[in-house]
Amino acid sequence: MRRLIEEKMSIIDGLIEAANVPGVKKNKDYRILDMPGADADVYIPLNWEAAKALAWKTKGPSGEWLIAHEKNPNPWRKEIREQGWTPIFFIGKKDKIMVYVKGGDVSRPKIFDRFDNERGAAALPLVGYSWDAEAQEFIKDLKANSGEIARARRVIDKVPLPAFRKAKKGIGREWR
């Protein structure tokens, strides 16, 4: 019984920790998914600012995902807005992965490691899933969240992109 209580408290602590991402607000800037098979916190960033905050400011190892580049929103604009991919971040204590699903179709995800290398199902053990070529447990968890993923996609499509303007001083440009 004590072990069960400790496990439940660990889950609650993880959710509280996950809900306090610096600089962004839950439900406004990102959504949290319930993925029982993952040994990680699972987020859908709804805008470029949230992608940056989730990739860099959460506990665990840093990631080098291009869509979360801190000074350039063009990859977010191209891959997420124009091509219609929905990003899902799995952030564990030891590693993290990023998953792309096309709109709300979870049957053929693209899976990237924390260095932005496409790895497929081979990356799933990094965040607690057992490896199998079809990634059945992972796909089952994604399908259980397909409604939330589709709702997040609709929000992503409505969020304005950062404006581009010339810098006031020096050579170069800045994002506002």
Foldseek 3Di string as FASTA:
>chain_A
DVVVVVVVVVVVVQVVLVQCQPPDHEPQFKDWADQPQFQFTKIWGLAQCSLLSVQDRHAEDHADAPCNDPFDNVVCCVVCAVQQWTWMWGGHNYFIKIWTDRQLDLQDIFIAGRHRHGDQQVCRVVGRHDGDNRSVSRSVSSVVCSVVSNVSSVSSNPDDHWDWDADPDDHDTGTD
